[in-house]
């Protein structure tokens, strides 16, 4: 893959770096997509078991629910007991 990027005019070091990042993304992206699908399915299953609506409120088909949960965690006020 390094030779491909060298053919585009990049130096060896730069081509190696770009090839490494591409390799990491080729491995990491399907894993992250799989985890997102498992989380979505888990939410739908638990919603059906509790007889309530599933995660279909945030975004199309509830695909932004995990991002909303992450944003909620980061925006929560830190409470330190006295």
C-alpha atoms as a PDB file:
ATOM      1  CA  UNK A   1       0.000   0.000   0.000  1.00  0.00           C
ATOM      2  CA  UNK A   2       2.990   2.271   0.612  1.00  0.00           C
ATOM      3  CA  UNK A   3       4.028   2.014  -3.036  1.00  0.00           C
ATOM      4  CA  UNK A   4       0.551   3.167  -4.084  1.00  0.00           C
ATOM      5  CA  UNK A   5       0.884   6.366  -2.069  1.00  0.00           C
ATOM      6  CA  UNK A   6       4.459   6.846  -3.273  1.00  0.00           C
ATOM      7  CA  UNK A   7       3.083   6.642  -6.807  1.00  0.00           C
ATOM      8  CA  UNK A   8       0.856   9.595  -5.929  1.00  0.00           C
ATOM      9  CA  UNK A   9       3.970  11.667  -5.252  1.00  0.00           C
ATOM     10  CA  UNK A  10       4.336  11.287  -1.480  1.00  0.00           C
ATOM     11  CA  UNK A  11       7.692  10.676   0.167  1.00  0.00           C
ATOM     12  CA  UNK A  12       8.318   7.238   1.685  1.00  0.00           C
ATOM     13  CA  UNK A  13       7.778   8.484   5.248  1.00  0.00           C
ATOM     14  CA  UNK A  14       4.561  10.271   4.379  1.00  0.00           C
ATOM     15  CA  UNK A  15       3.322   7.302   2.318  1.00  0.00           C
ATOM     16  CA  UNK A  16       4.103   4.956   5.220  1.00  0.00           C
ATOM     17  CA  UNK A  17       2.165   7.196   7.636  1.00  0.00           C
ATOM     18  CA  UNK A  18      -0.846   7.455   5.341  1.00  0.00           C
ATOM     19  CA  UNK A  19      -0.793   3.692   4.686  1.00  0.00           C
ATOM     20  CA  UNK A  20      -0.631   3.014   8.428  1.00  0.00           C
ATOM     21  CA  UNK A  21      -3.597   5.287   9.144  1.00  0.00           C
ATOM     22  CA  UNK A  22      -5.571   3.660   6.303  1.00  0.00           C
ATOM     23  CA  UNK A  23      -4.776   0.209   7.685  1.00  0.00           C
ATOM     24  CA  UNK A  24      -5.907   1.191  11.160  1.00  0.00           C
ATOM     25  CA  UNK A  25      -9.144   2.646   9.782  1.00  0.00           C
ATOM     26  CA  UNK A  26      -9.790  -0.498   7.724  1.00  0.00           C
ATOM     27  CA  UNK A  27      -9.700  -2.502  10.950  1.00  0.00           C
ATOM     28  CA  UNK A  28     -11.302  -0.019  13.352  1.00  0.00           C
ATOM     29  CA  UNK A  29     -14.238   1.220  11.253  1.00  0.00           C
ATOM     30  CA  UNK A  30     -16.015  -2.151  10.850  1.00  0.00           C
ATOM     31  CA  UNK A  31     -15.525  -2.824  14.563  1.00  0.00           C
ATOM     32  CA  UNK A  32     -17.028   0.533  15.530  1.00  0.00           C
ATOM     33  CA  UNK A  33     -19.907  -0.025  13.114  1.00  0.00           C
ATOM     34  CA  UNK A  34     -20.554  -3.452  14.615  1.00  0.00           C
ATOM     35  CA  UNK A  35     -20.572  -2.058  18.149  1.00  0.00           C
ATOM     36  CA  UNK A  36     -23.012   0.668  17.101  1.00  0.00           C
ATOM     37  CA  UNK A  37     -25.324  -1.936  15.560  1.00  0.00           C
ATOM     38  CA  UNK A  38     -25.177  -4.093  18.704  1.00  0.00           C
ATOM     39  CA  UNK A  39     -26.003  -1.086  20.915  1.00  0.00           C
ATOM     40  CA  UNK A  40     -28.932  -0.188  18.651  1.00  0.00           C
ATOM     41  CA  UNK A  41     -30.262  -3.758  18.696  1.00  0.00           C
ATOM     42  CA  UNK A  42     -29.817  -3.939  22.477  1.00  0.00           C
ATOM     43  CA  UNK A  43     -31.863  -0.770  22.960  1.00  0.00           C
ATOM     44  CA  UNK A  44     -34.620  -2.051  20.666  1.00  0.00           C
ATOM     45  CA  UNK A  45     -34.780  -5.418  22.461  1.00  0.00           C
ATOM     46  CA  UNK A  46     -34.923  -3.887  25.958  1.00  0.00           C
ATOM     47  CA  UNK A  47     -37.565  -1.410  24.784  1.00  0.00           C
ATOM     48  CA  UNK A  48     -39.705  -4.278  23.485  1.00  0.00           C
ATOM     49  CA  UNK A  49     -39.278  -6.202  26.738  1.00  0.00           C
ATOM     50  CA  UNK A  50     -40.325  -3.163  28.787  1.00  0.00           C
ATOM     51  CA  UNK A  51     -43.252  -2.449  26.429  1.00  0.00           C
ATOM     52  CA  UNK A  52     -42.097   1.082  25.677  1.00  0.00           C
ATOM     53  CA  UNK A  53     -40.917   2.992  22.660  1.00  0.00           C
ATOM     54  CA  UNK A  54     -37.423   2.222  21.431  1.00  0.00           C
ATOM     55  CA  UNK A  55     -34.590   4.609  20.612  1.00  0.00           C
ATOM     56  CA  UNK A  56     -36.362   6.177  17.655  1.00  0.00           C
ATOM     57  CA  UNK A  57     -36.680   9.699  19.018  1.00  0.00           C
ATOM     58  CA  UNK A  58     -33.222  11.117  18.244  1.00  0.00           C
ATOM     59  CA  UNK A  59     -32.414  11.333  14.553  1.00  0.00           C
ATOM     60  CA  UNK A  60     -33.632   9.092  11.758  1.00  0.00           C
ATOM     61  CA  UNK A  61     -34.516   5.655  13.146  1.00  0.00           C
ATOM     62  CA  UNK A  62     -32.764   6.538  16.405  1.00  0.00           C
ATOM     63  CA  UNK A  63     -29.297   6.367  14.862  1.00  0.00           C
ATOM     64  CA  UNK A  64     -28.120   9.409  16.834  1.00  0.00           C
ATOM     65  CA  UNK A  65     -29.204   8.048  20.233  1.00  0.00           C
ATOM     66  CA  UNK A  66     -25.682   6.974  21.249  1.00  0.00           C
ATOM     67  CA  UNK A  67     -24.299  10.410  20.387  1.00  0.00           C
ATOM     68  CA  UNK A  68     -27.076  12.025  22.431  1.00  0.00           C
ATOM     69  CA  UNK A  69     -26.225   9.775  25.393  1.00  0.00           C
ATOM     70  CA  UNK A  70     -22.538  10.667  25.119  1.00  0.00           C
ATOM     71  CA  UNK A  71     -23.350  14.368  24.937  1.00  0.00           C
ATOM     72  CA  UNK A  72     -25.584  14.005  27.999  1.00  0.00           C
ATOM     73  CA  UNK A  73     -22.728  12.416  29.961  1.00  0.00           C
ATOM     74  CA  UNK A  74     -20.262  15.157  29.009  1.00  0.00           C
ATOM     75  CA  UNK A  75     -22.691  17.979  29.808  1.00  0.00           C
ATOM     76  CA  UNK A  76     -23.765  16.688  33.208  1.00  0.00           C
ATOM     77  CA  UNK A  77     -22.863  18.886  36.130  1.00  0.00           C
ATOM     78  CA  UNK A  78     -20.232  17.412  38.411  1.00  0.00           C
ATOM     79  CA  UNK A  79     -21.626  16.985  41.909  1.00  0.00           C
ATOM     80  CA  UNK A  80     -19.061  16.579  44.666  1.00  0.00           C
ATOM     81  CA  UNK A  81     -20.496  15.630  48.061  1.00  0.00           C
ATOM     82  CA  UNK A  82     -19.451  17.883  50.913  1.00  0.00           C
END
